[in-house]
């Protein structure tokens, strides 16, 4: 991902938004403690107190064998009154070369038992 720093910052800020919406933050707080201990980058970003909700954005993946592929991402969220949420995320490839690269990526045939990596 060419915009890794931006994506990580957005993910942490979105996690903070989810924590703020939660009826019971105890599980979030416990996870935050573990993440801060495991990742100095997460700890630094968490201290910045950014909050963001991004229902749609463009993701770019760079695959060495195919080049960059842009995906439009849309996330739909349904929230229950008790704080539980259902989140569904859709990624659609961009047009032109991005669509062609995506088709090439998913049209590859893999023999049974063969690893794709």
C-alpha atoms as a PDB file:
ATOM      1  CA  UNK A   1       0.000   0.000   0.000  1.00  0.00           C
ATOM      2  CA  UNK A   2       1.683   3.223  -1.093  1.00  0.00           C
ATOM      3  CA  UNK A   3      -0.259   5.257   1.479  1.00  0.00           C
ATOM      4  CA  UNK A   4       0.469   2.890   4.376  1.00  0.00           C
ATOM      5  CA  UNK A   5       1.026   5.663   6.937  1.00  0.00           C
ATOM      6  CA  UNK A   6      -2.293   7.304   6.071  1.00  0.00           C
ATOM      7  CA  UNK A   7      -4.129   3.956   6.138  1.00  0.00           C
ATOM      8  CA  UNK A   8      -2.696   3.035   9.550  1.00  0.00           C
ATOM      9  CA  UNK A   9      -3.536   6.470  10.972  1.00  0.00           C
ATOM     10  CA  UNK A  10      -7.101   6.161   9.611  1.00  0.00           C
ATOM     11  CA  UNK A  11      -7.469   2.631  11.039  1.00  0.00           C
ATOM     12  CA  UNK A  12      -6.413   3.714  14.539  1.00  0.00           C
ATOM     13  CA  UNK A  13      -8.691   6.774  14.391  1.00  0.00           C
ATOM     14  CA  UNK A  14     -11.575   4.558  13.237  1.00  0.00           C
ATOM     15  CA  UNK A  15     -10.848   2.129  16.079  1.00  0.00           C
ATOM     16  CA  UNK A  16     -11.048   5.071  18.505  1.00  0.00           C
ATOM     17  CA  UNK A  17     -14.449   5.995  16.979  1.00  0.00           C
ATOM     18  CA  UNK A  18     -15.666   2.425  17.494  1.00  0.00           C
ATOM     19  CA  UNK A  19     -14.460   2.482  21.097  1.00  0.00           C
ATOM     20  CA  UNK A  20     -16.272   5.761  21.721  1.00  0.00           C
ATOM     21  CA  UNK A  21     -19.534   4.297  20.411  1.00  0.00           C
ATOM     22  CA  UNK A  22     -19.282   1.136  22.461  1.00  0.00           C
ATOM     23  CA  UNK A  23     -21.732   0.697  25.327  1.00  0.00           C
ATOM     24  CA  UNK A  24     -19.023  -1.169  27.270  1.00  0.00           C
ATOM     25  CA  UNK A  25     -15.469  -0.028  26.550  1.00  0.00           C
ATOM     26  CA  UNK A  26     -13.767  -2.625  28.760  1.00  0.00           C
ATOM     27  CA  UNK A  27     -12.866  -4.933  25.848  1.00  0.00           C
ATOM     28  CA  UNK A  28     -11.595  -1.997  23.779  1.00  0.00           C
ATOM     29  CA  UNK A  29      -9.518  -0.719  26.689  1.00  0.00           C
ATOM     30  CA  UNK A  30      -7.985  -4.158  27.278  1.00  0.00           C
ATOM     31  CA  UNK A  31      -7.118  -4.488  23.594  1.00  0.00           C
ATOM     32  CA  UNK A  32      -5.640  -0.977  23.498  1.00  0.00           C
ATOM     33  CA  UNK A  33      -3.335  -1.886  26.405  1.00  0.00           C
ATOM     34  CA  UNK A  34      -2.111  -4.978  24.533  1.00  0.00           C
ATOM     35  CA  UNK A  35      -1.643  -3.091  21.263  1.00  0.00           C
ATOM     36  CA  UNK A  36       0.275  -0.276  22.954  1.00  0.00           C
ATOM     37  CA  UNK A  37       2.601  -2.788  24.588  1.00  0.00           C
ATOM     38  CA  UNK A  38       3.158  -4.639  21.294  1.00  0.00           C
ATOM     39  CA  UNK A  39       3.439  -1.686  18.918  1.00  0.00           C
ATOM     40  CA  UNK A  40       5.186   1.644  19.538  1.00  0.00           C
ATOM     41  CA  UNK A  41       3.544   2.913  16.330  1.00  0.00           C
ATOM     42  CA  UNK A  42       0.066   2.112  17.655  1.00  0.00           C
ATOM     43  CA  UNK A  43       0.916   3.698  21.020  1.00  0.00           C
ATOM     44  CA  UNK A  44       2.066   6.897  19.300  1.00  0.00           C
ATOM     45  CA  UNK A  45      -1.038   7.093  17.109  1.00  0.00           C
ATOM     46  CA  UNK A  46      -3.365   6.322  20.025  1.00  0.00           C
ATOM     47  CA  UNK A  47      -1.876   9.220  22.016  1.00  0.00           C
ATOM     48  CA  UNK A  48      -2.809  11.592  19.172  1.00  0.00           C
ATOM     49  CA  UNK A  49      -6.537  11.092  19.964  1.00  0.00           C
ATOM     50  CA  UNK A  50      -7.648  11.325  16.308  1.00  0.00           C
ATOM     51  CA  UNK A  51     -11.214  10.205  15.601  1.00  0.00           C
ATOM     52  CA  UNK A  52     -12.504   9.558  12.093  1.00  0.00           C
ATOM     53  CA  UNK A  53     -15.354   7.878  10.323  1.00  0.00           C
ATOM     54  CA  UNK A  54     -14.697   7.082   6.682  1.00  0.00           C
ATOM     55  CA  UNK A  55     -17.696   5.483   4.976  1.00  0.00           C
ATOM     56  CA  UNK A  56     -15.888   5.524   1.619  1.00  0.00           C
ATOM     57  CA  UNK A  57     -12.327   5.864   0.382  1.00  0.00           C
ATOM     58  CA  UNK A  58      -9.952   4.716  -2.353  1.00  0.00           C
ATOM     59  CA  UNK A  59      -7.467   1.956  -1.533  1.00  0.00           C
ATOM     60  CA  UNK A  60      -4.400   1.319  -3.675  1.00  0.00           C
ATOM     61  CA  UNK A  61      -2.559  -1.988  -3.653  1.00  0.00           C
ATOM     62  CA  UNK A  62       0.689  -2.423  -5.548  1.00  0.00           C
ATOM     63  CA  UNK A  63       1.264  -5.985  -6.677  1.00  0.00           C
ATOM     64  CA  UNK A  64       4.763  -6.658  -8.035  1.00  0.00           C
ATOM     65  CA  UNK A  65       3.495  -8.876 -10.842  1.00  0.00           C
ATOM     66  CA  UNK A  66       0.572  -6.625 -11.915  1.00  0.00           C
ATOM     67  CA  UNK A  67       1.247  -3.065 -10.762  1.00  0.00           C
ATOM     68  CA  UNK A  68      -1.082  -0.748  -8.839  1.00  0.00           C
ATOM     69  CA  UNK A  69      -4.765  -1.531  -8.464  1.00  0.00           C
ATOM     70  CA  UNK A  70      -7.215   1.045  -7.110  1.00  0.00           C
ATOM     71  CA  UNK A  71     -10.309  -0.094  -5.241  1.00  0.00           C
ATOM     72  CA  UNK A  72     -13.200   2.092  -4.168  1.00  0.00           C
ATOM     73  CA  UNK A  73     -14.134   1.016  -0.661  1.00  0.00           C
ATOM     74  CA  UNK A  74     -17.532   1.612   0.916  1.00  0.00           C
ATOM     75  CA  UNK A  75     -18.399   0.494   4.432  1.00  0.00           C
ATOM     76  CA  UNK A  76     -21.994   0.223   5.649  1.00  0.00           C
ATOM     77  CA  UNK A  77     -22.673   0.088   9.383  1.00  0.00           C
ATOM     78  CA  UNK A  78     -25.799  -0.989  11.234  1.00  0.00           C
ATOM     79  CA  UNK A  79     -25.823  -0.134  14.946  1.00  0.00           C
ATOM     80  CA  UNK A  80     -28.015  -1.703  17.616  1.00  0.00           C
ATOM     81  CA  UNK A  81     -29.177   0.457  20.547  1.00  0.00           C
ATOM     82  CA  UNK A  82     -27.015  -1.621  22.914  1.00  0.00           C
ATOM     83  CA  UNK A  83     -23.860  -0.663  20.983  1.00  0.00           C
ATOM     84  CA  UNK A  84     -23.413  -3.815  18.911  1.00  0.00           C
ATOM     85  CA  UNK A  85     -22.628  -3.191  15.257  1.00  0.00           C
ATOM     86  CA  UNK A  86     -22.686  -5.033  11.987  1.00  0.00           C
ATOM     87  CA  UNK A  87     -20.218  -3.664   9.466  1.00  0.00           C
ATOM     88  CA  UNK A  88     -20.067  -4.712   5.823  1.00  0.00           C
ATOM     89  CA  UNK A  89     -17.276  -3.461   3.588  1.00  0.00           C
ATOM     90  CA  UNK A  90     -17.264  -3.562  -0.214  1.00  0.00           C
ATOM     91  CA  UNK A  91     -14.245  -3.100  -2.491  1.00  0.00           C
ATOM     92  CA  UNK A  92     -14.813  -2.430  -6.192  1.00  0.00           C
ATOM     93  CA  UNK A  93     -11.899  -2.123  -8.614  1.00  0.00           C
ATOM     94  CA  UNK A  94     -11.437   1.150 -10.436  1.00  0.00           C
ATOM     95  CA  UNK A  95     -12.021   1.391 -14.168  1.00  0.00           C
ATOM     96  CA  UNK A  96      -9.588   0.997 -17.035  1.00  0.00           C
ATOM     97  CA  UNK A  97      -6.239  -0.579 -16.176  1.00  0.00           C
ATOM     98  CA  UNK A  98      -7.298  -1.169 -12.565  1.00  0.00           C
ATOM     99  CA  UNK A  99     -10.222  -3.319 -13.658  1.00  0.00           C
ATOM    100  CA  UNK A 100      -8.033  -5.234 -16.119  1.00  0.00           C
ATOM    101  CA  UNK A 101      -5.377  -5.897 -13.451  1.00  0.00           C
ATOM    102  CA  UNK A 102      -8.066  -7.095 -11.038  1.00  0.00           C
ATOM    103  CA  UNK A 103      -9.443  -9.467 -13.670  1.00  0.00           C
ATOM    104  CA  UNK A 104      -5.919 -10.781 -14.293  1.00  0.00           C
ATOM    105  CA  UNK A 105      -5.432 -11.306 -10.564  1.00  0.00           C
ATOM    106  CA  UNK A 106      -8.628 -13.311 -10.092  1.00  0.00           C
ATOM    107  CA  UNK A 107      -8.526 -15.214 -13.372  1.00  0.00           C
ATOM    108  CA  UNK A 108      -5.383 -17.139 -12.496  1.00  0.00           C
ATOM    109  CA  UNK A 109      -5.947 -20.844 -12.201  1.00  0.00           C
ATOM    110  CA  UNK A 110      -4.479 -22.660  -9.224  1.00  0.00           C
ATOM    111  CA  UNK A 111      -4.152 -26.431  -9.294  1.00  0.00           C
ATOM    112  CA  UNK A 112      -5.663 -28.328  -6.327  1.00  0.00           C
ATOM    113  CA  UNK A 113      -3.182 -28.398  -3.461  1.00  0.00           C
ATOM    114  CA  UNK A 114      -1.046 -25.621  -4.992  1.00  0.00           C
ATOM    115  CA  UNK A 115      -0.341 -22.635  -2.798  1.00  0.00           C
ATOM    116  CA  UNK A 116      -1.087 -19.238  -4.352  1.00  0.00           C
ATOM    117  CA  UNK A 117       1.717 -17.457  -2.448  1.00  0.00           C
END
